[in-house]
Protein backbone atom coordinates (compact mmCIF):
# COMPACT_ATOMS: atom_id res chain seq x y z
CA MET A 1 -11.24 29.68 -24.02
CA ARG A 2 -13.56 32.17 -25.77
CA ILE A 3 -15.05 34.75 -23.40
CA LEU A 4 -17.78 37.26 -24.22
CA VAL A 5 -17.86 40.36 -21.99
CA THR A 6 -20.82 42.75 -21.87
CA ASN A 7 -22.51 45.15 -19.45
CA ASP A 8 -25.42 47.57 -19.01
CA ASP A 9 -23.47 50.77 -18.27
CA GLY A 10 -22.31 51.18 -21.86
CA TYR A 11 -19.09 50.49 -23.70
CA LEU A 12 -17.23 53.46 -22.16
CA ALA A 13 -17.75 52.26 -18.57
CA GLY A 14 -14.61 51.65 -16.54
CA GLY A 15 -16.02 48.49 -15.04
CA LEU A 16 -16.33 46.90 -18.47
CA ARG A 17 -12.67 47.52 -19.22
CA ALA A 18 -11.54 46.23 -15.83
CA LEU A 19 -13.51 43.01 -16.29
CA ALA A 20 -12.27 42.48 -19.84
CA ILE A 21 -8.65 42.87 -18.73
CA ALA A 22 -9.13 40.44 -15.84
CA ALA A 23 -10.81 37.92 -18.17
CA GLY A 24 -7.98 38.27 -20.67
CA GLU A 25 -5.78 36.13 -18.44
CA PHE A 26 -7.92 33.11 -19.27
CA GLY A 27 -8.61 33.30 -22.97
CA GLU A 28 -9.67 35.31 -25.98
CA VAL A 29 -12.00 38.16 -24.98
CA GLN A 30 -14.58 39.76 -27.23
CA ILE A 31 -16.62 42.70 -25.94
CA VAL A 32 -20.12 43.38 -27.23
CA ALA A 33 -21.72 46.18 -25.22
CA PRO A 34 -24.47 48.81 -25.45
CA ASP A 35 -23.66 52.20 -26.92
CA ARG A 36 -25.22 53.98 -23.94
CA GLU A 37 -26.45 53.59 -20.37
CA GLN A 38 -28.92 50.70 -20.15
CA SER A 39 -29.28 50.23 -16.40
CA ALA A 40 -32.58 48.77 -15.12
CA THR A 41 -33.57 47.56 -18.59
CA SER A 42 -33.96 44.07 -17.14
CA HIS A 43 -34.39 41.36 -19.80
CA SER A 44 -35.92 43.65 -22.42
CA LEU A 45 -35.49 42.97 -26.13
CA THR A 46 -35.55 45.46 -29.00
CA LEU A 47 -38.40 44.32 -31.23
CA HIS A 48 -39.80 47.41 -32.95
CA PHE A 49 -36.78 48.91 -34.71
CA PRO A 50 -33.63 47.45 -36.29
CA LEU A 51 -30.44 47.04 -34.29
CA ARG A 52 -27.11 48.29 -35.58
CA ALA A 53 -23.63 47.13 -34.66
CA ARG A 54 -20.36 48.99 -35.17
CA LYS A 55 -16.88 47.74 -34.46
CA VAL A 56 -14.91 50.25 -32.38
CA GLU A 57 -11.81 48.13 -31.78
CA ASP A 58 -10.67 44.69 -32.91
CA ASN A 59 -12.27 43.09 -29.86
CA LEU A 60 -15.04 45.66 -29.16
CA THR A 61 -18.39 45.91 -30.92
CA VAL A 62 -21.05 48.41 -29.90
CA ILE A 63 -24.80 47.76 -30.19
CA ASP A 64 -27.58 50.37 -30.08
CA GLY A 65 -29.70 48.07 -27.94
CA THR A 66 -30.08 46.46 -24.53
CA PRO A 67 -27.66 44.09 -22.76
CA THR A 68 -29.88 41.18 -23.75
CA ASP A 69 -29.72 42.34 -27.38
CA CYS A 70 -25.93 42.37 -27.10
CA VAL A 71 -25.75 38.73 -26.03
CA ILE A 72 -28.25 37.57 -28.64
CA LEU A 73 -26.47 39.36 -31.49
CA ALA A 74 -23.01 38.32 -30.29
CA VAL A 75 -23.87 34.65 -30.04
CA GLY A 76 -26.16 34.51 -33.05
CA GLU A 77 -24.30 36.63 -35.60
CA LEU A 78 -21.29 38.66 -34.55
CA LEU A 79 -18.86 36.12 -33.12
CA ARG A 80 -17.18 33.54 -35.32
CA GLU A 81 -17.69 30.86 -32.66
CA LYS A 82 -20.02 30.47 -29.72
CA PRO A 83 -18.34 31.73 -26.52
CA ASP A 84 -17.41 29.27 -23.80
CA PHE A 85 -18.28 31.78 -21.10
CA VAL A 86 -20.13 35.09 -20.72
CA LEU A 87 -19.18 37.75 -18.16
CA SER A 88 -21.40 40.75 -17.52
CA GLY A 89 -20.19 43.84 -15.63
CA ILE A 90 -18.53 45.22 -13.65
CA ASN A 91 -21.78 47.04 -12.94
CA HIS A 92 -21.47 50.55 -11.51
CA GLY A 93 -23.70 49.89 -8.50
CA PRO A 94 -25.10 46.96 -6.52
CA ASN A 95 -27.25 44.13 -7.82
CA LEU A 96 -28.39 42.67 -4.52
CA GLY A 97 -31.67 41.04 -3.58
CA ASP A 98 -34.60 42.22 -5.67
CA ASP A 99 -32.24 44.26 -7.87
CA VAL A 100 -31.66 41.15 -9.98
CA LEU A 101 -35.21 41.44 -11.35
CA TYR A 102 -34.47 44.88 -12.84
CA SER A 103 -30.78 44.63 -13.66
CA GLY A 104 -29.58 44.70 -17.25
CA THR A 105 -26.26 43.31 -16.03
CA VAL A 106 -27.90 40.22 -14.55
CA ALA A 107 -30.23 39.90 -17.55
CA ALA A 108 -27.29 39.66 -19.95
CA ALA A 109 -25.89 36.77 -17.92
CA MET A 110 -29.35 35.23 -17.74
CA GLU A 111 -29.69 35.36 -21.53
CA ALA A 112 -26.37 33.56 -21.88
CA CYS A 113 -27.65 30.96 -19.44
CA ILE A 114 -30.79 30.49 -21.55
CA LEU A 115 -28.54 29.96 -24.58
CA GLY A 116 -26.65 27.24 -22.71
CA ILE A 117 -23.52 29.27 -21.94
CA PRO A 118 -22.09 29.49 -18.39
CA ALA A 119 -22.31 33.07 -17.15
CA VAL A 120 -21.40 35.36 -14.27
CA ALA A 121 -22.77 38.84 -13.50
CA ILE A 122 -20.46 41.07 -11.47
CA SER A 123 -21.35 44.33 -9.69
CA TYR A 124 -19.57 46.80 -7.43
CA THR A 125 -21.73 48.05 -4.55
CA GLY A 126 -19.82 51.29 -3.94
CA LYS A 127 -20.82 54.76 -5.14
CA THR A 128 -17.52 55.76 -6.77
CA HIS A 129 -16.23 53.74 -9.70
CA ASP A 130 -12.90 55.32 -10.59
CA ARG A 131 -10.86 52.59 -8.87
CA LEU A 132 -12.53 49.48 -10.27
CA ALA A 133 -9.25 48.46 -11.89
CA ASP A 134 -7.96 47.78 -8.35
CA TRP A 135 -10.32 44.80 -8.20
CA ARG A 136 -8.65 42.96 -11.07
CA PRO A 137 -6.49 40.67 -8.85
CA HIS A 138 -9.55 39.53 -6.85
CA LEU A 139 -11.57 39.09 -10.03
CA ALA A 140 -8.81 37.04 -11.60
CA THR A 141 -8.67 34.81 -8.53
CA LEU A 142 -12.44 34.28 -8.54
CA LEU A 143 -12.66 33.74 -12.30
CA ARG A 144 -9.80 31.26 -12.15
CA GLN A 145 -11.97 29.11 -9.87
CA LEU A 146 -15.13 29.41 -11.98
CA LEU A 147 -14.08 29.36 -15.61
CA VAL A 148 -12.16 26.11 -15.40
CA ARG A 149 -14.94 24.07 -13.82
CA THR A 150 -16.22 21.17 -15.86
CA ASP A 151 -19.21 20.83 -13.52
CA PHE A 152 -20.52 24.39 -13.84
CA PRO A 153 -24.23 23.97 -12.96
CA ALA A 154 -26.67 23.94 -15.85
CA GLU A 155 -29.34 26.65 -16.15
CA THR A 156 -27.59 28.61 -13.40
CA LEU A 157 -25.68 31.87 -13.36
CA PHE A 158 -23.63 33.39 -10.55
CA ASN A 159 -24.47 36.88 -9.32
CA VAL A 160 -21.33 38.40 -7.78
CA ASN A 161 -21.26 41.61 -5.74
CA LEU A 162 -18.08 43.34 -4.57
CA PRO A 163 -18.19 45.22 -1.25
CA PRO A 164 -17.70 49.02 -1.18
CA ILE A 165 -14.27 48.85 0.47
CA ASP A 166 -10.61 48.82 -0.45
CA PRO A 167 -9.93 45.44 -2.14
CA ARG A 168 -7.08 44.88 0.34
CA GLU A 169 -9.64 44.82 3.16
CA VAL A 170 -11.90 42.11 1.70
CA GLN A 171 -12.68 39.37 4.23
CA GLY A 172 -13.15 36.62 1.66
CA ILE A 173 -15.99 35.12 -0.38
CA LYS A 174 -19.40 34.02 0.86
CA VAL A 175 -21.93 31.97 -1.08
CA THR A 176 -25.23 33.73 -0.40
CA THR A 177 -28.98 33.87 -0.97
CA LEU A 178 -30.93 36.84 -2.28
CA GLY A 179 -32.02 39.37 0.33
CA ARG A 180 -35.15 41.50 0.14
CA ARG A 181 -35.46 45.25 -0.06
CA ALA A 182 -38.26 47.81 0.15
CA TYR A 183 -37.89 51.39 -1.08
CA VAL A 184 -39.42 54.38 0.68
CA GLY A 185 -39.75 57.74 -1.04
CA SER A 186 -38.45 56.50 -4.39
CA LEU A 187 -41.26 58.11 -6.43
CA THR A 188 -41.28 61.85 -7.04
CA ARG A 189 -44.32 63.72 -8.39
CA ALA A 190 -43.76 67.30 -9.55
CA ASN A 191 -44.30 69.84 -12.33
CA ASP A 192 -41.80 70.86 -14.98
CA PRO A 193 -41.06 74.55 -15.77
CA ASN A 194 -44.01 74.58 -18.17
CA GLY A 195 -46.37 73.41 -15.45
CA ARG A 196 -46.78 69.89 -16.83
CA GLU A 197 -46.87 67.07 -14.32
CA TYR A 198 -44.18 64.41 -14.36
CA PHE A 199 -43.08 61.43 -12.26
CA TRP A 200 -39.52 60.36 -11.46
CA ILE A 201 -38.65 56.86 -10.22
CA GLY A 202 -35.44 56.47 -8.25
CA GLY A 203 -33.62 57.48 -5.10
CA GLY A 204 -35.27 57.29 -1.70
CA GLU A 205 -34.33 55.16 1.28
CA SER A 206 -34.21 51.37 1.34
CA THR A 207 -34.87 48.82 4.07
CA TRP A 208 -33.27 45.38 3.88
CA TRP A 209 -34.30 42.07 5.39
CA GLY A 210 -33.51 38.43 4.83
CA ALA A 211 -31.79 35.32 6.13
CA GLU A 212 -28.36 35.27 7.71
CA THR A 213 -27.12 33.95 4.38
CA SER A 214 -28.41 37.00 2.47
CA ASP A 215 -26.18 38.75 -0.02
CA PHE A 216 -26.55 42.21 1.55
CA ARG A 217 -25.32 40.88 4.91
CA ALA A 218 -22.18 39.45 3.31
CA ILE A 219 -21.48 42.80 1.63
CA HIS A 220 -22.00 44.66 4.92
CA GLU A 221 -19.43 42.37 6.55
CA GLY A 222 -16.84 43.05 3.85
CA PHE A 223 -17.17 39.82 1.87
CA ILE A 224 -17.60 39.24 -1.83
CA SER A 225 -21.08 37.81 -2.31
CA VAL A 226 -21.65 34.97 -4.78
CA THR A 227 -25.28 34.00 -5.32
CA PRO A 228 -26.32 31.15 -7.66
CA LEU A 229 -29.45 32.09 -9.63
CA HIS A 230 -31.59 29.59 -11.52
CA ILE A 231 -33.59 30.40 -14.64
CA ASP A 232 -36.54 28.24 -13.52
CA LEU A 233 -38.79 30.58 -11.49
CA THR A 234 -41.33 27.86 -10.72
CA ASN A 235 -42.22 27.50 -7.03
CA HIS A 236 -41.88 23.73 -7.03
CA ARG A 237 -42.65 23.53 -3.30
CA LEU A 238 -46.21 24.70 -3.94
CA LEU A 239 -47.03 22.67 -7.06
CA ARG A 240 -48.87 19.89 -5.22
CA GLU A 241 -50.69 22.26 -2.86
CA ILE A 242 -51.94 24.50 -5.65
CA GLY A 243 -52.81 21.45 -7.72
CA GLU A 244 -55.20 20.50 -4.92
CA TRP A 245 -57.07 23.81 -5.15
CA GLY A 246 -59.17 22.28 -7.92
CA LEU A 247 -58.75 25.13 -10.38
CA ASN A 248 -60.98 24.55 -13.39
CA LEU A 249 -63.27 26.18 -15.95
């Protein structure tokens, strides 16, 4: 099996190495990752300047672009053969609920899905990331159940989140839905030392809500959350109703 591993935290991130080692139990791993931090880049593409790739190790190539760029270049040019599977992560931080709309980690897996390749995005919801290697046994167990499936759902990726606890305390795996989150106080307005105004997005407090099946609830209870995401964003339930609105020119 040919496995492509990427991330959005950059090629030096510990989570990337941990995931690549875990995936190595199941086939040939090639890593194509950004040369720097690319968190919250979502599904952005680099269109207005050329991309450059440099091989750092036999199985590691670094790209000066986004996670989506990495997947496109890997599949289209850099790899000798199309990968059988794409793994993105382990992200240094959660990708729960609405996070998936901003996440470069999830976007890389989504791009693989668009290209017809089964994909999984994996994130760790804790704040310290120096022990991500401890998750390799759990990752290997989960990947063993996913990578071998012949009925992996089309146009679907799995968004996996690991709880912020010791891996030995994990309660199991729950298949979940996306929760919802609202941020309060996440926008800062201030002046720099030269008196020029600036804005800073990030931080603040968050409020969660959602169904009992929500991903954030599973994480809070000590479970690994596995959420299937579909690339079709159409609200099919409303197609007939909106069709009856009589929209016209």
